[in-house]
């Protein structure tokens, strides 16, 4: 399919990276979900953190945690045209929250009210404090990564 972003002939989207993986994929955006909303296509998704963060109601998308959940979700939508249409209508309404103008406004707001003030404050710190603060954050991140690796190893 050359037009991977063309949802014209798509009835629904199923998106799952893995049913076994316990990683919430914290670095992955909710683009698939927003694209579904914009296209008026219901979504059946694994509970990734970005999808869950966007979810306001059960009409936003169906959550699946197994292959059996997937089959049941498809059957539910196929046998319930009213639910299918409600998900489409809800998605089109939710898509209005993610127009380019609104997303741009959110980014400008973030930079104006969070990033730039934080940077200005950071600039006022002494070089020693900056280095100590960096080292503390670096070590904390490393410890979290090691802890995550240990947890994965223990749970296997």
C-alpha atoms as a PDB file:
ATOM      1  CA  UNK A   1       0.000   0.000   0.000  1.00  0.00           C
ATOM      2  CA  UNK A   2       1.718   3.169  -1.189  1.00  0.00           C
ATOM      3  CA  UNK A   3      -0.583   5.511   0.750  1.00  0.00           C
ATOM      4  CA  UNK A   4       0.033   4.225   4.294  1.00  0.00           C
ATOM      5  CA  UNK A   5      -1.681   7.324   5.681  1.00  0.00           C
ATOM      6  CA  UNK A   6      -4.807   7.015   3.503  1.00  0.00           C
ATOM      7  CA  UNK A   7      -7.674   5.799   5.701  1.00  0.00           C
ATOM      8  CA  UNK A   8     -10.317   6.065   2.932  1.00  0.00           C
ATOM      9  CA  UNK A   9     -11.063   2.338   2.751  1.00  0.00           C
ATOM     10  CA  UNK A  10     -10.274   1.499   6.381  1.00  0.00           C
ATOM     11  CA  UNK A  11     -13.069   0.311   8.698  1.00  0.00           C
ATOM     12  CA  UNK A  12     -10.999   0.298  11.900  1.00  0.00           C
ATOM     13  CA  UNK A  13      -7.439   0.289  13.144  1.00  0.00           C
ATOM     14  CA  UNK A  14      -5.851  -2.318  15.400  1.00  0.00           C
ATOM     15  CA  UNK A  15      -2.498  -1.274  16.857  1.00  0.00           C
ATOM     16  CA  UNK A  16      -0.474  -3.529  19.161  1.00  0.00           C
ATOM     17  CA  UNK A  17       3.279  -3.632  19.542  1.00  0.00           C
ATOM     18  CA  UNK A  18       3.193  -6.638  21.855  1.00  0.00           C
ATOM     19  CA  UNK A  19       0.816  -8.303  24.278  1.00  0.00           C
ATOM     20  CA  UNK A  20       3.698  -9.661  26.366  1.00  0.00           C
ATOM     21  CA  UNK A  21       5.719  -6.504  26.763  1.00  0.00           C
ATOM     22  CA  UNK A  22       5.099  -4.679  30.020  1.00  0.00           C
ATOM     23  CA  UNK A  23       6.878  -1.553  28.748  1.00  0.00           C
ATOM     24  CA  UNK A  24       4.340   1.305  28.477  1.00  0.00           C
ATOM     25  CA  UNK A  25       6.251   2.800  25.504  1.00  0.00           C
ATOM     26  CA  UNK A  26       6.613   6.167  27.218  1.00  0.00           C
ATOM     27  CA  UNK A  27       8.522   7.637  24.270  1.00  0.00           C
ATOM     28  CA  UNK A  28       5.857   6.901  21.652  1.00  0.00           C
ATOM     29  CA  UNK A  29       3.294   9.592  20.784  1.00  0.00           C
ATOM     30  CA  UNK A  30      -0.445   9.018  20.346  1.00  0.00           C
ATOM     31  CA  UNK A  31      -0.254   9.802  16.612  1.00  0.00           C
ATOM     32  CA  UNK A  32      -2.059   6.612  15.567  1.00  0.00           C
ATOM     33  CA  UNK A  33      -4.988   7.471  17.806  1.00  0.00           C
ATOM     34  CA  UNK A  34      -5.210  11.099  16.702  1.00  0.00           C
ATOM     35  CA  UNK A  35      -4.975  10.030  13.056  1.00  0.00           C
ATOM     36  CA  UNK A  36      -7.858   7.621  13.620  1.00  0.00           C
ATOM     37  CA  UNK A  37      -9.950  10.373  15.162  1.00  0.00           C
ATOM     38  CA  UNK A  38      -9.169  12.753  12.310  1.00  0.00           C
ATOM     39  CA  UNK A  39     -10.053  10.115   9.721  1.00  0.00           C
ATOM     40  CA  UNK A  40     -13.245   8.991  11.464  1.00  0.00           C
ATOM     41  CA  UNK A  41     -11.948   5.457  12.003  1.00  0.00           C
ATOM     42  CA  UNK A  42     -12.519   3.586  15.303  1.00  0.00           C
ATOM     43  CA  UNK A  43      -9.373   2.378  17.035  1.00  0.00           C
ATOM     44  CA  UNK A  44      -8.646  -0.851  18.894  1.00  0.00           C
ATOM     45  CA  UNK A  45      -5.384  -0.327  20.773  1.00  0.00           C
ATOM     46  CA  UNK A  46      -3.056  -1.842  23.323  1.00  0.00           C
ATOM     47  CA  UNK A  47      -2.912   0.252  26.510  1.00  0.00           C
ATOM     48  CA  UNK A  48       0.200   2.286  25.708  1.00  0.00           C
ATOM     49  CA  UNK A  49       0.839   5.254  27.956  1.00  0.00           C
ATOM     50  CA  UNK A  50       0.247   7.927  25.300  1.00  0.00           C
ATOM     51  CA  UNK A  51      -3.112   6.434  24.321  1.00  0.00           C
ATOM     52  CA  UNK A  52      -4.220   6.141  27.940  1.00  0.00           C
ATOM     53  CA  UNK A  53      -3.146   9.737  28.610  1.00  0.00           C
ATOM     54  CA  UNK A  54      -5.437  10.939  25.793  1.00  0.00           C
ATOM     55  CA  UNK A  55      -8.409   8.795  26.773  1.00  0.00           C
ATOM     56  CA  UNK A  56     -11.419  10.647  28.184  1.00  0.00           C
ATOM     57  CA  UNK A  57     -14.132   8.050  27.534  1.00  0.00           C
ATOM     58  CA  UNK A  58     -14.696   4.499  26.362  1.00  0.00           C
ATOM     59  CA  UNK A  59     -15.639   5.904  22.965  1.00  0.00           C
ATOM     60  CA  UNK A  60     -12.101   7.182  22.348  1.00  0.00           C
ATOM     61  CA  UNK A  61     -10.783   3.683  21.618  1.00  0.00           C
ATOM     62  CA  UNK A  62     -11.199   0.082  22.703  1.00  0.00           C
ATOM     63  CA  UNK A  63      -8.443  -1.343  24.911  1.00  0.00           C
ATOM     64  CA  UNK A  64      -7.059  -4.779  24.146  1.00  0.00           C
ATOM     65  CA  UNK A  65      -4.593  -6.803  26.182  1.00  0.00           C
ATOM     66  CA  UNK A  66      -4.660 -10.108  24.308  1.00  0.00           C
ATOM     67  CA  UNK A  67      -5.437 -11.680  20.964  1.00  0.00           C
ATOM     68  CA  UNK A  68      -8.788 -12.814  22.383  1.00  0.00           C
ATOM     69  CA  UNK A  69      -9.584  -9.206  23.404  1.00  0.00           C
ATOM     70  CA  UNK A  70      -8.829  -8.169  19.837  1.00  0.00           C
ATOM     71  CA  UNK A  71     -11.234 -10.688  18.315  1.00  0.00           C
ATOM     72  CA  UNK A  72     -13.925  -9.731  20.832  1.00  0.00           C
ATOM     73  CA  UNK A  73     -13.489  -6.004  20.146  1.00  0.00           C
ATOM     74  CA  UNK A  74     -13.841  -6.531  16.383  1.00  0.00           C
ATOM     75  CA  UNK A  75     -16.924  -8.697  16.926  1.00  0.00           C
ATOM     76  CA  UNK A  76     -18.397  -6.066  19.255  1.00  0.00           C
ATOM     77  CA  UNK A  77     -17.985  -3.297  16.700  1.00  0.00           C
ATOM     78  CA  UNK A  78     -19.244  -5.498  13.870  1.00  0.00           C
ATOM     79  CA  UNK A  79     -22.384  -6.494  15.773  1.00  0.00           C
ATOM     80  CA  UNK A  80     -23.059  -3.044  17.225  1.00  0.00           C
ATOM     81  CA  UNK A  81     -23.297  -0.424  14.451  1.00  0.00           C
ATOM     82  CA  UNK A  82     -24.576   2.152  16.953  1.00  0.00           C
ATOM     83  CA  UNK A  83     -21.389   1.850  19.032  1.00  0.00           C
ATOM     84  CA  UNK A  84     -19.304   1.975  15.841  1.00  0.00           C
ATOM     85  CA  UNK A  85     -20.984   5.248  14.783  1.00  0.00           C
ATOM     86  CA  UNK A  86     -20.685   6.709  18.300  1.00  0.00           C
ATOM     87  CA  UNK A  87     -16.931   6.014  18.219  1.00  0.00           C
ATOM     88  CA  UNK A  88     -16.630   7.719  14.832  1.00  0.00           C
ATOM     89  CA  UNK A  89     -18.617  10.767  15.977  1.00  0.00           C
ATOM     90  CA  UNK A  90     -16.668  10.960  19.233  1.00  0.00           C
ATOM     91  CA  UNK A  91     -13.365  10.642  17.372  1.00  0.00           C
ATOM     92  CA  UNK A  92     -14.198  13.439  14.958  1.00  0.00           C
ATOM     93  CA  UNK A  93     -15.081  15.637  17.939  1.00  0.00           C
ATOM     94  CA  UNK A  94     -11.880  14.682  19.794  1.00  0.00           C
ATOM     95  CA  UNK A  95      -9.823  15.434  16.659  1.00  0.00           C
ATOM     96  CA  UNK A  96     -10.759  19.094  17.076  1.00  0.00           C
ATOM     97  CA  UNK A  97      -8.467  19.150  20.126  1.00  0.00           C
ATOM     98  CA  UNK A  98      -5.488  18.319  17.903  1.00  0.00           C
ATOM     99  CA  UNK A  99      -5.712  20.777  15.021  1.00  0.00           C
ATOM    100  CA  UNK A 100      -2.382  22.266  13.906  1.00  0.00           C
ATOM    101  CA  UNK A 101      -3.405  25.619  15.402  1.00  0.00           C
ATOM    102  CA  UNK A 102      -4.212  24.135  18.817  1.00  0.00           C
ATOM    103  CA  UNK A 103      -1.054  22.023  18.893  1.00  0.00           C
ATOM    104  CA  UNK A 104       1.010  25.075  17.918  1.00  0.00           C
ATOM    105  CA  UNK A 105      -0.645  27.088  20.688  1.00  0.00           C
ATOM    106  CA  UNK A 106       0.159  24.348  23.225  1.00  0.00           C
ATOM    107  CA  UNK A 107       3.816  24.320  22.177  1.00  0.00           C
ATOM    108  CA  UNK A 108       4.093  28.116  22.296  1.00  0.00           C
ATOM    109  CA  UNK A 109       2.460  28.070  25.735  1.00  0.00           C
ATOM    110  CA  UNK A 110       4.894  25.381  26.905  1.00  0.00           C
ATOM    111  CA  UNK A 111       7.931  27.337  25.773  1.00  0.00           C
ATOM    112  CA  UNK A 112       6.652  30.689  27.043  1.00  0.00           C
ATOM    113  CA  UNK A 113       5.430  29.468  30.433  1.00  0.00           C
ATOM    114  CA  UNK A 114       7.604  26.445  31.227  1.00  0.00           C
ATOM    115  CA  UNK A 115      10.760  26.002  29.157  1.00  0.00           C
ATOM    116  CA  UNK A 116      11.987  29.599  28.863  1.00  0.00           C
ATOM    117  CA  UNK A 117      11.343  30.476  32.538  1.00  0.00           C
ATOM    118  CA  UNK A 118      13.051  27.247  33.641  1.00  0.00           C
ATOM    119  CA  UNK A 119      16.020  28.011  31.398  1.00  0.00           C
ATOM    120  CA  UNK A 120      16.230  31.569  32.733  1.00  0.00           C
ATOM    121  CA  UNK A 121      16.206  30.226  36.283  1.00  0.00           C
ATOM    122  CA  UNK A 122      18.836  27.624  35.419  1.00  0.00           C
ATOM    123  CA  UNK A 123      21.041  30.351  33.897  1.00  0.00           C
ATOM    124  CA  UNK A 124      21.070  32.151  37.255  1.00  0.00           C
ATOM    125  CA  UNK A 125      22.607  29.149  39.035  1.00  0.00           C
ATOM    126  CA  UNK A 126      26.327  28.882  39.738  1.00  0.00           C
ATOM    127  CA  UNK A 127      28.466  26.615  37.531  1.00  0.00           C
ATOM    128  CA  UNK A 128      29.034  24.267  40.490  1.00  0.00           C
ATOM    129  CA  UNK A 129      25.287  23.950  41.136  1.00  0.00           C
ATOM    130  CA  UNK A 130      24.634  23.306  37.428  1.00  0.00           C
ATOM    131  CA  UNK A 131      27.184  20.494  37.345  1.00  0.00           C
ATOM    132  CA  UNK A 132      25.944  18.945  40.570  1.00  0.00           C
ATOM    133  CA  UNK A 133      22.343  19.149  39.393  1.00  0.00           C
ATOM    134  CA  UNK A 134      23.244  17.584  36.045  1.00  0.00           C
ATOM    135  CA  UNK A 135      25.173  14.775  37.740  1.00  0.00           C
ATOM    136  CA  UNK A 136      22.267  14.110  40.110  1.00  0.00           C
ATOM    137  CA  UNK A 137      19.759  13.879  37.226  1.00  0.00           C
ATOM    138  CA  UNK A 138      22.159  11.754  35.156  1.00  0.00           C
ATOM    139  CA  UNK A 139      22.719   9.273  37.983  1.00  0.00           C
ATOM    140  CA  UNK A 140      19.008   9.135  38.757  1.00  0.00           C
ATOM    141  CA  UNK A 141      18.232   8.299  35.128  1.00  0.00           C
ATOM    142  CA  UNK A 142      20.929   5.612  35.054  1.00  0.00           C
ATOM    143  CA  UNK A 143      19.607   4.059  38.272  1.00  0.00           C
ATOM    144  CA  UNK A 144      16.063   3.996  36.890  1.00  0.00           C
ATOM    145  CA  UNK A 145      17.269   2.277  33.729  1.00  0.00           C
ATOM    146  CA  UNK A 146      19.226  -0.299  35.719  1.00  0.00           C
ATOM    147  CA  UNK A 147      16.215  -0.880  37.967  1.00  0.00           C
ATOM    148  CA  UNK A 148      13.983  -1.375  34.913  1.00  0.00           C
ATOM    149  CA  UNK A 149      16.448  -3.908  33.476  1.00  0.00           C
ATOM    150  CA  UNK A 150      16.520  -5.781  36.797  1.00  0.00           C
ATOM    151  CA  UNK A 151      12.711  -5.794  36.961  1.00  0.00           C
ATOM    152  CA  UNK A 152      12.512  -7.174  33.396  1.00  0.00           C
ATOM    153  CA  UNK A 153      15.081  -9.856  34.239  1.00  0.00           C
ATOM    154  CA  UNK A 154      13.277 -10.846  37.458  1.00  0.00           C
ATOM    155  CA  UNK A 155       9.863 -11.030  35.788  1.00  0.00           C
ATOM    156  CA  UNK A 156      11.111 -13.320  32.993  1.00  0.00           C
END
